[in-house]
Amino acid sequence: MTTARDVMHAGAQCIGADQSLLDAAKMMREMEVGALPICGADQKLKGMVTDRDIVIRCLATGEDPARMTAMDLAGQLHCVRADDSIDTVLTKMEQHQIRRIPVIDNDRLVGMISEADLCKGHREGGRLTDQQIIEFMDSVYAQR
């Protein structure tokens, strides 16, 4: 059985819950990513912040990204466990129409799965079928 651990990108870096959105944007630029997991002082996953969140929910509303914290935009958290099956991963991502999902093990962040990771796994290891990829894309990019 293919698990979340098999397709995840290990070593995801967190933004601290109390760090500013300006810090988050700089981290995203340096790491060339569009989302960051948010971790608290206890190093446990607290939420996610995306580049889109920063633009739509901070900048476009006239807020100051140097004053708003990552946790201010955390929103609802969806994650999977490292030992969850790829079917569970796909189902969660499809249900919530999300393109990235954190992977936890013993309540600690151990990696991230993005749509690119799913496609890469499909090309390289054949872990996902063509049908699974098509259904995922249809669900995630469907009109809300």
Protein backbone atom coordinates (compact mmCIF):
# COMPACT_ATOMS: atom_id res chain seq x y z
CA MET A 1 0.00 0.00 0.00
CA THR A 2 1.32 3.43 -0.94
CA THR A 3 1.27 5.81 2.02
CA ALA A 4 1.53 9.55 2.52
CA ARG A 5 5.14 9.04 3.59
CA ASP A 6 5.90 7.46 0.20
CA VAL A 7 4.86 10.53 -1.80
CA MET A 8 5.49 13.42 0.60
CA HIS A 9 8.27 15.93 0.32
CA ALA A 10 10.17 15.47 3.60
CA GLY A 11 11.69 18.28 5.61
CA ALA A 12 8.97 20.92 5.34
CA GLN A 13 9.91 24.15 7.10
CA CYS A 14 7.42 25.92 9.36
CA ILE A 15 6.74 29.57 9.88
CA GLY A 16 6.29 30.37 13.56
CA ALA A 17 2.74 31.18 14.64
CA ASP A 18 3.86 34.60 15.90
CA GLN A 19 6.03 35.48 12.90
CA SER A 20 4.78 38.17 10.54
CA LEU A 21 3.23 37.65 7.15
CA LEU A 22 6.14 39.65 5.77
CA ASP A 23 8.46 36.96 7.17
CA ALA A 24 6.22 34.30 5.62
CA ALA A 25 6.34 35.98 2.21
CA LYS A 26 10.13 36.21 2.37
CA MET A 27 10.40 32.54 3.35
CA MET A 28 8.11 31.55 0.47
CA ARG A 29 10.25 33.53 -1.97
CA GLU A 30 13.50 32.02 -0.68
CA MET A 31 12.13 28.48 -0.66
CA GLU A 32 10.18 28.91 -3.92
CA VAL A 33 6.95 27.61 -2.39
CA GLY A 34 3.40 28.95 -2.29
CA ALA A 35 2.43 27.76 1.19
CA LEU A 36 3.96 27.26 4.60
CA PRO A 37 2.84 25.19 7.55
CA ILE A 38 2.45 27.18 10.75
CA CYS A 39 3.96 25.70 13.92
CA GLY A 40 3.61 26.87 17.50
CA ALA A 41 6.33 27.13 20.12
CA ASP A 42 5.67 23.45 20.88
CA GLN A 43 6.65 22.65 17.25
CA LYS A 44 3.18 21.20 16.63
CA LEU A 45 1.29 22.03 13.46
CA LYS A 46 -1.22 24.86 13.99
CA GLY A 47 -2.28 25.83 10.47
CA MET A 48 -1.24 26.77 6.95
CA VAL A 49 -0.69 30.09 5.23
CA THR A 50 -0.55 30.54 1.46
CA ASP A 51 0.70 33.27 -0.82
CA ARG A 52 -2.92 33.77 -1.88
CA ASP A 53 -3.97 34.25 1.76
CA ILE A 54 -1.38 36.99 2.15
CA VAL A 55 -2.55 38.81 -0.97
CA ILE A 56 -6.34 38.39 -0.57
CA ARG A 57 -6.75 38.49 3.21
CA CYS A 58 -3.99 40.93 4.14
CA LEU A 59 -2.74 43.17 1.32
CA ALA A 60 -6.04 43.56 -0.54
CA THR A 61 -7.82 44.56 2.67
CA GLY A 62 -5.22 47.21 3.49
CA GLU A 63 -3.61 45.33 6.38
CA ASP A 64 0.11 45.59 7.13
CA PRO A 65 1.93 42.25 6.52
CA ALA A 66 4.64 43.32 8.96
CA ARG A 67 2.03 43.53 11.75
CA MET A 68 -0.19 40.54 10.97
CA THR A 69 1.02 37.14 12.13
CA ALA A 70 0.93 33.84 10.30
CA MET A 71 -1.59 32.58 12.86
CA ASP A 72 -3.93 35.47 12.00
CA LEU A 73 -4.54 33.73 8.65
CA ALA A 74 -4.24 30.11 9.77
CA GLY A 75 -7.79 29.11 8.85
CA GLN A 76 -9.02 25.53 9.03
CA LEU A 77 -6.29 22.91 9.15
CA HIS A 78 -6.43 19.74 7.07
CA CYS A 79 -3.63 17.22 7.38
CA VAL A 80 -2.90 13.51 6.97
CA ARG A 81 -0.87 11.05 8.98
CA ALA A 82 2.33 9.64 7.50
CA ASP A 83 0.89 6.12 7.45
CA ASP A 84 -2.41 7.11 5.78
CA SER A 85 -3.01 5.48 2.41
CA ILE A 86 -2.70 7.49 -0.79
CA ASP A 87 -6.45 7.02 -1.21
CA THR A 88 -7.01 8.81 2.12
CA VAL A 89 -4.67 11.61 1.03
CA LEU A 90 -6.47 12.05 -2.29
CA THR A 91 -9.90 11.94 -0.64
CA LYS A 92 -8.98 14.67 1.86
CA MET A 93 -7.43 16.89 -0.78
CA GLU A 94 -10.40 16.41 -3.10
CA GLN A 95 -13.04 16.95 -0.38
CA HIS A 96 -11.48 20.22 0.71
CA GLN A 97 -10.26 21.28 -2.76
CA ILE A 98 -6.71 21.82 -1.56
CA ARG A 99 -3.50 21.44 -3.53
CA ARG A 100 -1.13 20.98 -0.58
CA ILE A 101 -1.50 19.00 2.62
CA PRO A 102 0.81 18.65 5.63
CA VAL A 103 1.86 15.19 6.78
CA ILE A 104 2.21 14.52 10.51
CA ASP A 105 3.65 11.68 12.55
CA ASN A 106 3.20 11.64 16.34
CA ASP A 107 1.67 15.13 16.12
CA ARG A 108 4.81 16.54 14.47
CA LEU A 109 5.16 17.84 10.93
CA VAL A 110 7.26 15.42 8.86
CA GLY A 111 6.49 16.57 5.32
CA MET A 112 4.14 18.07 2.78
CA ILE A 113 2.30 16.64 -0.19
CA SER A 114 1.56 18.93 -3.12
CA GLU A 115 -0.10 18.26 -6.42
CA ALA A 116 3.41 18.25 -7.91
CA ASP A 117 4.44 15.46 -5.50
CA LEU A 118 1.42 13.42 -6.59
CA CYS A 119 2.24 13.88 -10.26
CA LYS A 120 5.94 13.22 -9.70
CA GLY A 121 5.11 9.98 -7.88
CA HIS A 122 2.81 9.04 -10.74
CA ARG A 123 5.53 9.60 -13.36
CA GLU A 124 8.39 8.00 -11.45
CA GLY A 125 6.95 5.18 -9.43
CA GLY A 126 3.54 4.56 -10.86
CA ARG A 127 2.06 4.99 -7.37
CA LEU A 128 -1.07 6.66 -8.69
CA THR A 129 -3.12 5.57 -11.65
CA ASP A 130 -4.04 7.86 -14.51
CA GLN A 131 -7.63 7.71 -13.27
CA GLN A 132 -6.64 8.82 -9.75
CA ILE A 133 -4.75 11.81 -11.15
CA ILE A 134 -7.67 12.78 -13.41
CA GLU A 135 -10.20 12.52 -10.57
CA PHE A 136 -7.94 14.54 -8.27
CA MET A 137 -7.52 17.33 -10.83
CA ASP A 138 -11.27 17.36 -11.60
CA SER A 139 -12.14 17.65 -7.91
CA VAL A 140 -9.53 20.18 -6.84
CA TYR A 141 -10.00 22.49 -9.81
CA ALA A 142 -13.80 22.21 -9.94
CA GLN A 143 -15.78 25.41 -9.59
CA ARG A 144 -16.56 26.07 -5.92
